[in-house]
Amino acid sequence: MKYTIWRVTPAGDGFPLSNMGVTSMKERALEKSRALNQKLRASEPESEERFIVRDEKGREVRDII
């Protein structure tokens, strides 16, 4: 299975990050999205957007942590 990182709004609209590519490792994709969310919160604390991981079927992959 392939996983892609998306930047999404609270309404659920979003776009895939083309520079992050696609990975077949779920854990690696989740690590990247966590790091991006930390950077986003540090640079734009008021932003309600977030980074998520979606599988190749478009379903959001939840981080257990």
N, C-alpha and C. Protein backbone atom coordinates (compact mmCIF):
# COMPACT_ATOMS: atom_id res chain seq x y z
N MET A 1 0.85 -1.17 0.00
CA MET A 1 0.00 0.00 0.00
C MET A 1 0.89 1.24 0.00
N LYS A 2 0.41 2.31 -0.64
CA LYS A 2 1.16 3.56 -0.70
C LYS A 2 0.45 4.61 0.13
N TYR A 3 1.24 5.49 0.74
CA TYR A 3 0.72 6.53 1.63
C TYR A 3 1.22 7.89 1.17
N THR A 4 0.33 8.89 1.22
CA THR A 4 0.64 10.24 0.78
C THR A 4 0.30 11.22 1.89
N ILE A 5 1.12 12.26 2.05
CA ILE A 5 0.87 13.29 3.05
C ILE A 5 0.06 14.41 2.39
N TRP A 6 -1.01 14.82 3.08
CA TRP A 6 -1.90 15.88 2.60
C TRP A 6 -1.93 17.02 3.60
N ARG A 7 -2.07 18.25 3.10
CA ARG A 7 -2.35 19.40 3.97
C ARG A 7 -3.84 19.68 3.82
N VAL A 8 -4.56 19.67 4.92
CA VAL A 8 -6.01 19.82 4.87
C VAL A 8 -6.49 20.95 5.77
N THR A 9 -7.66 21.47 5.41
CA THR A 9 -8.33 22.51 6.20
C THR A 9 -9.30 21.83 7.16
N PRO A 10 -9.85 22.58 8.12
CA PRO A 10 -10.84 21.99 9.02
C PRO A 10 -12.07 21.43 8.28
N ALA A 11 -12.37 22.00 7.11
CA ALA A 11 -13.51 21.54 6.32
C ALA A 11 -13.22 20.23 5.59
N GLY A 12 -11.95 19.82 5.56
CA GLY A 12 -11.58 18.58 4.90
C GLY A 12 -11.02 18.75 3.50
N ASP A 13 -11.02 20.00 3.00
CA ASP A 13 -10.41 20.26 1.70
C ASP A 13 -8.90 20.21 1.86
N GLY A 14 -8.22 19.80 0.81
CA GLY A 14 -6.78 19.75 0.91
C GLY A 14 -6.11 19.37 -0.37
N PHE A 15 -4.80 19.20 -0.29
CA PHE A 15 -4.02 18.81 -1.45
C PHE A 15 -2.83 17.96 -1.01
N PRO A 16 -2.40 17.05 -1.88
CA PRO A 16 -1.24 16.23 -1.53
C PRO A 16 0.05 17.03 -1.68
N LEU A 17 1.03 16.71 -0.88
CA LEU A 17 2.33 17.37 -0.97
C LEU A 17 3.16 16.66 -2.01
N SER A 18 3.39 17.31 -3.11
CA SER A 18 4.12 16.68 -4.21
C SER A 18 5.60 16.51 -3.89
N ASN A 19 6.17 17.42 -3.08
CA ASN A 19 7.60 17.32 -2.79
C ASN A 19 7.91 16.23 -1.77
N MET A 20 6.89 15.73 -1.04
CA MET A 20 7.12 14.67 -0.06
C MET A 20 7.08 13.30 -0.72
N GLY A 21 6.48 13.23 -1.89
CA GLY A 21 6.40 11.97 -2.59
C GLY A 21 5.43 11.01 -1.94
N VAL A 22 5.54 9.79 -2.37
CA VAL A 22 4.69 8.72 -1.88
C VAL A 22 5.59 7.68 -1.25
N THR A 23 5.16 7.13 -0.13
CA THR A 23 5.96 6.12 0.54
C THR A 23 5.13 4.87 0.78
N SER A 24 5.77 3.74 0.82
CA SER A 24 5.07 2.50 1.10
C SER A 24 5.15 2.14 2.58
N MET A 25 5.85 2.98 3.35
CA MET A 25 6.01 2.72 4.78
C MET A 25 5.08 3.64 5.57
N LYS A 26 4.04 3.05 6.16
CA LYS A 26 3.07 3.83 6.91
C LYS A 26 3.72 4.59 8.06
N GLU A 27 4.62 3.94 8.78
CA GLU A 27 5.27 4.57 9.92
C GLU A 27 6.07 5.80 9.50
N ARG A 28 6.75 5.70 8.37
CA ARG A 28 7.56 6.84 7.88
C ARG A 28 6.65 8.00 7.48
N ALA A 29 5.54 7.72 6.84
CA ALA A 29 4.60 8.77 6.45
C ALA A 29 4.03 9.45 7.68
N LEU A 30 3.71 8.69 8.71
CA LEU A 30 3.17 9.27 9.94
C LEU A 30 4.22 10.13 10.64
N GLU A 31 5.49 9.68 10.63
CA GLU A 31 6.57 10.47 11.22
C GLU A 31 6.70 11.82 10.51
N LYS A 32 6.65 11.79 9.18
CA LYS A 32 6.77 13.02 8.39
C LYS A 32 5.61 13.96 8.70
N SER A 33 4.40 13.44 8.79
CA SER A 33 3.25 14.30 9.04
C SER A 33 3.32 14.90 10.45
N ARG A 34 3.80 14.14 11.43
CA ARG A 34 3.97 14.68 12.78
C ARG A 34 4.97 15.84 12.77
N ALA A 35 6.09 15.64 12.08
CA ALA A 35 7.12 16.69 12.01
C ALA A 35 6.58 17.93 11.30
N LEU A 36 5.84 17.74 10.23
CA LEU A 36 5.27 18.88 9.51
C LEU A 36 4.24 19.62 10.36
N ASN A 37 3.44 18.88 11.12
CA ASN A 37 2.46 19.52 12.00
C ASN A 37 3.15 20.35 13.08
N GLN A 38 4.26 19.86 13.61
CA GLN A 38 5.01 20.61 14.62
C GLN A 38 5.57 21.90 14.02
N LYS A 39 6.12 21.81 12.81
CA LYS A 39 6.66 23.00 12.14
C LYS A 39 5.55 24.00 11.83
N LEU A 40 4.40 23.49 11.38
CA LEU A 40 3.27 24.37 11.07
C LEU A 40 2.79 25.10 12.32
N ARG A 41 2.66 24.40 13.42
CA ARG A 41 2.22 25.02 14.68
C ARG A 41 3.22 26.06 15.17
N ALA A 42 4.51 25.80 14.96
CA ALA A 42 5.54 26.75 15.39
C ALA A 42 5.53 28.01 14.53
N SER A 43 5.31 27.87 13.23
CA SER A 43 5.36 29.03 12.34
C SER A 43 4.01 29.73 12.20
N GLU A 44 2.92 29.00 12.32
CA GLU A 44 1.58 29.58 12.18
C GLU A 44 0.68 29.05 13.31
N PRO A 45 0.86 29.55 14.53
CA PRO A 45 0.11 29.00 15.67
C PRO A 45 -1.41 29.14 15.54
N GLU A 46 -1.89 30.12 14.76
CA GLU A 46 -3.33 30.32 14.62
C GLU A 46 -3.94 29.43 13.54
N SER A 47 -3.13 28.80 12.73
CA SER A 47 -3.63 28.00 11.62
C SER A 47 -4.42 26.80 12.11
N GLU A 48 -5.54 26.56 11.46
CA GLU A 48 -6.35 25.39 11.78
C GLU A 48 -6.08 24.25 10.81
N GLU A 49 -5.20 24.49 9.85
CA GLU A 49 -4.84 23.45 8.89
C GLU A 49 -3.93 22.44 9.58
N ARG A 50 -3.86 21.25 8.97
CA ARG A 50 -3.00 20.21 9.53
C ARG A 50 -2.56 19.29 8.41
N PHE A 51 -1.57 18.47 8.71
CA PHE A 51 -1.08 17.48 7.77
C PHE A 51 -1.59 16.11 8.20
N ILE A 52 -2.06 15.35 7.23
CA ILE A 52 -2.54 14.00 7.50
C ILE A 52 -1.93 13.04 6.49
N VAL A 53 -2.08 11.76 6.76
CA VAL A 53 -1.62 10.72 5.85
C VAL A 53 -2.86 10.01 5.30
N ARG A 54 -2.86 9.82 3.99
CA ARG A 54 -3.95 9.07 3.35
C ARG A 54 -3.36 7.90 2.59
N ASP A 55 -4.12 6.80 2.59
CA ASP A 55 -3.67 5.64 1.83
C ASP A 55 -4.07 5.82 0.37
N GLU A 56 -3.73 4.85 -0.46
CA GLU A 56 -3.98 4.98 -1.89
C GLU A 56 -5.47 4.98 -2.25
N LYS A 57 -6.31 4.60 -1.32
CA LYS A 57 -7.76 4.64 -1.54
C LYS A 57 -8.37 5.96 -1.04
N GLY A 58 -7.52 6.85 -0.49
CA GLY A 58 -7.99 8.14 -0.04
C GLY A 58 -8.45 8.18 1.41
N ARG A 59 -8.31 7.07 2.13
CA ARG A 59 -8.73 7.02 3.54
C ARG A 59 -7.63 7.59 4.42
N GLU A 60 -8.05 8.36 5.44
CA GLU A 60 -7.08 8.92 6.37
C GLU A 60 -6.52 7.82 7.26
N VAL A 61 -5.21 7.84 7.44
CA VAL A 61 -4.52 6.90 8.33
C VAL A 61 -4.31 7.62 9.64
N ARG A 62 -4.86 7.09 10.71
CA ARG A 62 -4.77 7.73 12.03
C ARG A 62 -3.47 7.34 12.72
N ASP A 63 -2.89 8.33 13.39
CA ASP A 63 -1.70 8.11 14.17
C ASP A 63 -2.12 7.67 15.58
N ILE A 64 -1.56 6.60 16.09
CA ILE A 64 -1.94 6.05 17.38
C ILE A 64 -1.42 6.92 18.51
N ILE A 65 -0.29 7.58 18.30
CA ILE A 65 0.34 8.39 19.35
C ILE A 65 -0.50 9.61 19.67
